């Protein structure tokens, strides 16, 4: 099953309030339509960082809202939290991908997005194992997620594009 379909299917089980919070928190990129941004041509590094950081700021708000909504004390709550985080990460990754970097930064930028998008797969693992009630596999998947998350955050932090927020969200 395609990644987006899994997120959509799993997301239906999430509480309506949390899904609404994600929809409100991630309404576009930097206040504009991402398709319009992509058609305008490449952004300078400063403009790209500013627009990406705006997306990441909204992602932070969505993840914080999901944390408050889901809690994380039971396996069922862990599954719910991962559902919400996967939806938020996927939406933010789509919005980030719609931004157009300078040609010299395109490979770097696409690598960063791939690292960010890669976190979604770990959330799907966490959902699966939590719903199965397999605490050991949840712990293992969470440890793997933390390694991937640190790699993604470090890549954003050390990117020459100059992000100020994206390297701290995850």
C-alpha atoms as a PDB file:
ATOM      1  CA  UNK A   1       0.000   0.000   0.000  1.00  0.00           C
ATOM      2  CA  UNK A   2       1.437   3.425  -0.892  1.00  0.00           C
ATOM      3  CA  UNK A   3       2.795   5.524   1.977  1.00  0.00           C
ATOM      4  CA  UNK A   4       0.233   8.328   1.611  1.00  0.00           C
ATOM      5  CA  UNK A   5      -2.673   5.872   1.561  1.00  0.00           C
ATOM      6  CA  UNK A   6      -1.436   4.266   4.790  1.00  0.00           C
ATOM      7  CA  UNK A   7      -1.260   7.685   6.441  1.00  0.00           C
ATOM      8  CA  UNK A   8      -4.737   8.605   5.205  1.00  0.00           C
ATOM      9  CA  UNK A   9      -6.200   5.286   6.350  1.00  0.00           C
ATOM     10  CA  UNK A  10      -4.531   5.372   9.745  1.00  0.00           C
ATOM     11  CA  UNK A  11      -5.301   9.068  10.120  1.00  0.00           C
ATOM     12  CA  UNK A  12      -9.030   8.350   9.955  1.00  0.00           C
ATOM     13  CA  UNK A  13      -8.772   6.643  13.321  1.00  0.00           C
ATOM     14  CA  UNK A  14      -7.230   9.735  14.934  1.00  0.00           C
ATOM     15  CA  UNK A  15      -9.476  12.079  16.903  1.00  0.00           C
ATOM     16  CA  UNK A  16     -11.213  14.737  14.862  1.00  0.00           C
ATOM     17  CA  UNK A  17      -9.859  17.543  17.070  1.00  0.00           C
ATOM     18  CA  UNK A  18      -6.254  16.490  16.458  1.00  0.00           C
ATOM     19  CA  UNK A  19      -6.761  16.164  12.709  1.00  0.00           C
ATOM     20  CA  UNK A  20      -8.388  19.599  12.674  1.00  0.00           C
ATOM     21  CA  UNK A  21      -5.386  20.975  14.579  1.00  0.00           C
ATOM     22  CA  UNK A  22      -3.059  19.539  11.934  1.00  0.00           C
ATOM     23  CA  UNK A  23      -5.126  21.016   9.117  1.00  0.00           C
ATOM     24  CA  UNK A  24      -5.152  24.453  10.738  1.00  0.00           C
ATOM     25  CA  UNK A  25      -1.505  24.307  11.765  1.00  0.00           C
ATOM     26  CA  UNK A  26      -0.179  23.436   8.315  1.00  0.00           C
ATOM     27  CA  UNK A  27      -2.275  25.492   5.890  1.00  0.00           C
ATOM     28  CA  UNK A  28       0.353  26.182   3.266  1.00  0.00           C
ATOM     29  CA  UNK A  29       3.827  27.482   2.968  1.00  0.00           C
ATOM     30  CA  UNK A  30       4.771  30.826   4.404  1.00  0.00           C
ATOM     31  CA  UNK A  31       1.254  32.147   3.995  1.00  0.00           C
ATOM     32  CA  UNK A  32       0.988  31.391   0.267  1.00  0.00           C
ATOM     33  CA  UNK A  33       0.131  28.670  -2.167  1.00  0.00           C
ATOM     34  CA  UNK A  34       3.054  26.262  -2.598  1.00  0.00           C
ATOM     35  CA  UNK A  35       2.270  25.722  -6.280  1.00  0.00           C
ATOM     36  CA  UNK A  36       2.638  29.458  -6.880  1.00  0.00           C
ATOM     37  CA  UNK A  37       5.977  29.434  -5.060  1.00  0.00           C
ATOM     38  CA  UNK A  38       7.260  26.541  -7.146  1.00  0.00           C
ATOM     39  CA  UNK A  39       6.285  28.230 -10.405  1.00  0.00           C
ATOM     40  CA  UNK A  40       8.091  31.477  -9.528  1.00  0.00           C
ATOM     41  CA  UNK A  41      11.528  29.987  -9.984  1.00  0.00           C
ATOM     42  CA  UNK A  42      14.336  29.170  -7.603  1.00  0.00           C
ATOM     43  CA  UNK A  43      14.431  30.878  -4.220  1.00  0.00           C
ATOM     44  CA  UNK A  44      17.581  32.391  -2.766  1.00  0.00           C
ATOM     45  CA  UNK A  45      18.970  30.438   0.179  1.00  0.00           C
ATOM     46  CA  UNK A  46      17.675  33.099   2.579  1.00  0.00           C
ATOM     47  CA  UNK A  47      14.164  33.000   1.071  1.00  0.00           C
ATOM     48  CA  UNK A  48      14.176  29.189   0.985  1.00  0.00           C
ATOM     49  CA  UNK A  49      15.277  28.995   4.631  1.00  0.00           C
ATOM     50  CA  UNK A  50      12.624  31.527   5.670  1.00  0.00           C
ATOM     51  CA  UNK A  51       9.798  29.700   3.878  1.00  0.00           C
ATOM     52  CA  UNK A  52      10.979  26.281   5.064  1.00  0.00           C
ATOM     53  CA  UNK A  53      11.333  27.540   8.634  1.00  0.00           C
ATOM     54  CA  UNK A  54       7.739  28.844   8.475  1.00  0.00           C
ATOM     55  CA  UNK A  55       6.589  25.355   7.467  1.00  0.00           C
ATOM     56  CA  UNK A  56       8.641  23.828  10.281  1.00  0.00           C
ATOM     57  CA  UNK A  57       7.199  26.312  12.787  1.00  0.00           C
ATOM     58  CA  UNK A  58       3.704  25.142  11.859  1.00  0.00           C
ATOM     59  CA  UNK A  59       4.891  21.531  12.071  1.00  0.00           C
ATOM     60  CA  UNK A  60       6.187  22.203  15.593  1.00  0.00           C
ATOM     61  CA  UNK A  61       2.778  23.575  16.619  1.00  0.00           C
ATOM     62  CA  UNK A  62       1.033  20.535  15.095  1.00  0.00           C
ATOM     63  CA  UNK A  63       3.381  18.082  16.829  1.00  0.00           C
ATOM     64  CA  UNK A  64       2.951  19.867  20.169  1.00  0.00           C
ATOM     65  CA  UNK A  65      -0.840  19.737  19.740  1.00  0.00           C
ATOM     66  CA  UNK A  66      -0.623  16.031  18.889  1.00  0.00           C
ATOM     67  CA  UNK A  67       1.475  15.445  22.013  1.00  0.00           C
ATOM     68  CA  UNK A  68      -1.153  17.123  24.178  1.00  0.00           C
ATOM     69  CA  UNK A  69      -3.975  15.266  22.421  1.00  0.00           C
ATOM     70  CA  UNK A  70      -2.519  11.760  22.433  1.00  0.00           C
ATOM     71  CA  UNK A  71      -0.364  11.448  25.521  1.00  0.00           C
ATOM     72  CA  UNK A  72       2.153   8.628  25.454  1.00  0.00           C
ATOM     73  CA  UNK A  73       1.678   6.457  28.491  1.00  0.00           C
ATOM     74  CA  UNK A  74      -0.013   3.437  26.917  1.00  0.00           C
ATOM     75  CA  UNK A  75       0.629   1.571  23.681  1.00  0.00           C
ATOM     76  CA  UNK A  76      -2.731   2.755  22.344  1.00  0.00           C
ATOM     77  CA  UNK A  77      -1.688   6.373  23.023  1.00  0.00           C
ATOM     78  CA  UNK A  78       1.693   5.710  21.361  1.00  0.00           C
ATOM     79  CA  UNK A  79      -0.143   4.521  18.242  1.00  0.00           C
ATOM     80  CA  UNK A  80      -2.391   7.581  18.286  1.00  0.00           C
ATOM     81  CA  UNK A  81       0.597   9.912  18.686  1.00  0.00           C
ATOM     82  CA  UNK A  82       2.472   8.260  15.827  1.00  0.00           C
ATOM     83  CA  UNK A  83      -0.620   8.558  13.598  1.00  0.00           C
ATOM     84  CA  UNK A  84      -0.708  12.297  14.209  1.00  0.00           C
ATOM     85  CA  UNK A  85       3.061  12.732  13.858  1.00  0.00           C
ATOM     86  CA  UNK A  86       3.109  10.774  10.580  1.00  0.00           C
ATOM     87  CA  UNK A  87       0.345  12.948   9.137  1.00  0.00           C
ATOM     88  CA  UNK A  88       2.122  16.147  10.208  1.00  0.00           C
ATOM     89  CA  UNK A  89       5.533  15.065   8.923  1.00  0.00           C
ATOM     90  CA  UNK A  90       4.070  13.961   5.609  1.00  0.00           C
ATOM     91  CA  UNK A  91       2.193  17.211   5.099  1.00  0.00           C
ATOM     92  CA  UNK A  92       5.245  19.315   6.024  1.00  0.00           C
ATOM     93  CA  UNK A  93       7.460  17.217   3.717  1.00  0.00           C
ATOM     94  CA  UNK A  94       5.035  17.795   0.838  1.00  0.00           C
ATOM     95  CA  UNK A  95       5.094  21.536   1.496  1.00  0.00           C
ATOM     96  CA  UNK A  96       8.882  21.623   1.779  1.00  0.00           C
ATOM     97  CA  UNK A  97       9.187  19.679  -1.460  1.00  0.00           C
ATOM     98  CA  UNK A  98       7.050  22.291  -3.236  1.00  0.00           C
ATOM     99  CA  UNK A  99       9.688  24.960  -2.554  1.00  0.00           C
ATOM    100  CA  UNK A 100      12.267  25.395  -5.285  1.00  0.00           C
ATOM    101  CA  UNK A 101      15.903  25.859  -4.210  1.00  0.00           C
ATOM    102  CA  UNK A 102      18.736  27.264  -6.279  1.00  0.00           C
ATOM    103  CA  UNK A 103      20.025  24.622  -8.726  1.00  0.00           C
ATOM    104  CA  UNK A 104      23.306  24.451  -6.793  1.00  0.00           C
ATOM    105  CA  UNK A 105      21.395  23.534  -3.599  1.00  0.00           C
ATOM    106  CA  UNK A 106      18.778  21.214  -5.117  1.00  0.00           C
ATOM    107  CA  UNK A 107      20.516  17.910  -4.313  1.00  0.00           C
ATOM    108  CA  UNK A 108      21.232  19.034  -0.740  1.00  0.00           C
ATOM    109  CA  UNK A 109      17.664  20.228  -0.241  1.00  0.00           C
ATOM    110  CA  UNK A 110      16.087  17.063  -1.653  1.00  0.00           C
ATOM    111  CA  UNK A 111      18.321  15.006   0.661  1.00  0.00           C
ATOM    112  CA  UNK A 112      17.027  16.995   3.640  1.00  0.00           C
ATOM    113  CA  UNK A 113      13.426  16.423   2.596  1.00  0.00           C
ATOM    114  CA  UNK A 114      14.083  12.699   2.144  1.00  0.00           C
ATOM    115  CA  UNK A 115      15.478  12.530   5.684  1.00  0.00           C
ATOM    116  CA  UNK A 116      12.443  14.394   7.044  1.00  0.00           C
ATOM    117  CA  UNK A 117      10.031  12.218   5.040  1.00  0.00           C
ATOM    118  CA  UNK A 118      11.891   9.114   6.221  1.00  0.00           C
ATOM    119  CA  UNK A 119      10.595   9.700   9.739  1.00  0.00           C
ATOM    120  CA  UNK A 120       7.092   8.818   8.545  1.00  0.00           C
ATOM    121  CA  UNK A 121       8.078   5.161   8.029  1.00  0.00           C
ATOM    122  CA  UNK A 122       9.229   4.910  11.646  1.00  0.00           C
ATOM    123  CA  UNK A 123       5.888   6.262  12.834  1.00  0.00           C
ATOM    124  CA  UNK A 124       4.096   3.610  10.785  1.00  0.00           C
ATOM    125  CA  UNK A 125       6.256   0.945  12.458  1.00  0.00           C
ATOM    126  CA  UNK A 126       5.428   2.405  15.857  1.00  0.00           C
ATOM    127  CA  UNK A 127       1.720   2.363  15.031  1.00  0.00           C
ATOM    128  CA  UNK A 128       1.864  -1.247  13.881  1.00  0.00           C
ATOM    129  CA  UNK A 129       3.765  -2.545  16.899  1.00  0.00           C
ATOM    130  CA  UNK A 130       1.780  -0.477  19.389  1.00  0.00           C
ATOM    131  CA  UNK A 131      -1.520  -1.762  18.014  1.00  0.00           C
ATOM    132  CA  UNK A 132      -0.131  -5.299  18.191  1.00  0.00           C
ATOM    133  CA  UNK A 133       0.700  -4.657  21.847  1.00  0.00           C
ATOM    134  CA  UNK A 134       4.367  -5.490  21.260  1.00  0.00           C
ATOM    135  CA  UNK A 135       6.194  -3.245  23.729  1.00  0.00           C
ATOM    136  CA  UNK A 136       9.660  -4.623  22.858  1.00  0.00           C
ATOM    137  CA  UNK A 137       9.244  -3.880  19.155  1.00  0.00           C
ATOM    138  CA  UNK A 138       7.880  -0.414  19.990  1.00  0.00           C
ATOM    139  CA  UNK A 139      11.002   0.285  22.041  1.00  0.00           C
ATOM    140  CA  UNK A 140      13.281  -0.965  19.254  1.00  0.00           C
ATOM    141  CA  UNK A 141      11.444   1.039  16.591  1.00  0.00           C
ATOM    142  CA  UNK A 142      11.532   4.133  18.794  1.00  0.00           C
ATOM    143  CA  UNK A 143      15.302   3.780  19.249  1.00  0.00           C
ATOM    144  CA  UNK A 144      15.720   3.477  15.479  1.00  0.00           C
ATOM    145  CA  UNK A 145      13.482   6.510  15.003  1.00  0.00           C
ATOM    146  CA  UNK A 146      15.598   8.590  17.394  1.00  0.00           C
ATOM    147  CA  UNK A 147      18.753   7.749  15.394  1.00  0.00           C
ATOM    148  CA  UNK A 148      17.057   8.733  12.109  1.00  0.00           C
ATOM    149  CA  UNK A 149      15.640  11.857  13.725  1.00  0.00           C
ATOM    150  CA  UNK A 150      19.071  12.948  15.000  1.00  0.00           C
ATOM    151  CA  UNK A 151      20.576  12.376  11.546  1.00  0.00           C
ATOM    152  CA  UNK A 152      17.831  14.505   9.960  1.00  0.00           C
ATOM    153  CA  UNK A 153      18.154  17.291  12.528  1.00  0.00           C
ATOM    154  CA  UNK A 154      21.942  17.394  12.162  1.00  0.00           C
ATOM    155  CA  UNK A 155      21.661  17.561   8.375  1.00  0.00           C
ATOM    156  CA  UNK A 156      19.297  20.551   8.594  1.00  0.00           C
ATOM    157  CA  UNK A 157      21.491  22.223  11.225  1.00  0.00           C
ATOM    158  CA  UNK A 158      24.678  21.933   9.170  1.00  0.00           C
ATOM    159  CA  UNK A 159      23.109  22.736   5.818  1.00  0.00           C
ATOM    160  CA  UNK A 160      24.606  25.710   3.965  1.00  0.00           C
ATOM    161  CA  UNK A 161      21.054  26.900   3.212  1.00  0.00           C
ATOM    162  CA  UNK A 162      20.857  28.450   6.685  1.00  0.00           C
ATOM    163  CA  UNK A 163      17.754  27.078   8.405  1.00  0.00           C
ATOM    164  CA  UNK A 164      17.025  28.573  11.808  1.00  0.00           C
ATOM    165  CA  UNK A 165      14.038  26.427  12.816  1.00  0.00           C
ATOM    166  CA  UNK A 166      13.874  23.232  10.731  1.00  0.00           C
ATOM    167  CA  UNK A 167      16.930  21.742  12.391  1.00  0.00           C
ATOM    168  CA  UNK A 168      15.141  21.869  15.760  1.00  0.00           C
ATOM    169  CA  UNK A 169      11.835  20.243  14.765  1.00  0.00           C
ATOM    170  CA  UNK A 170      11.365  16.518  14.793  1.00  0.00           C
END
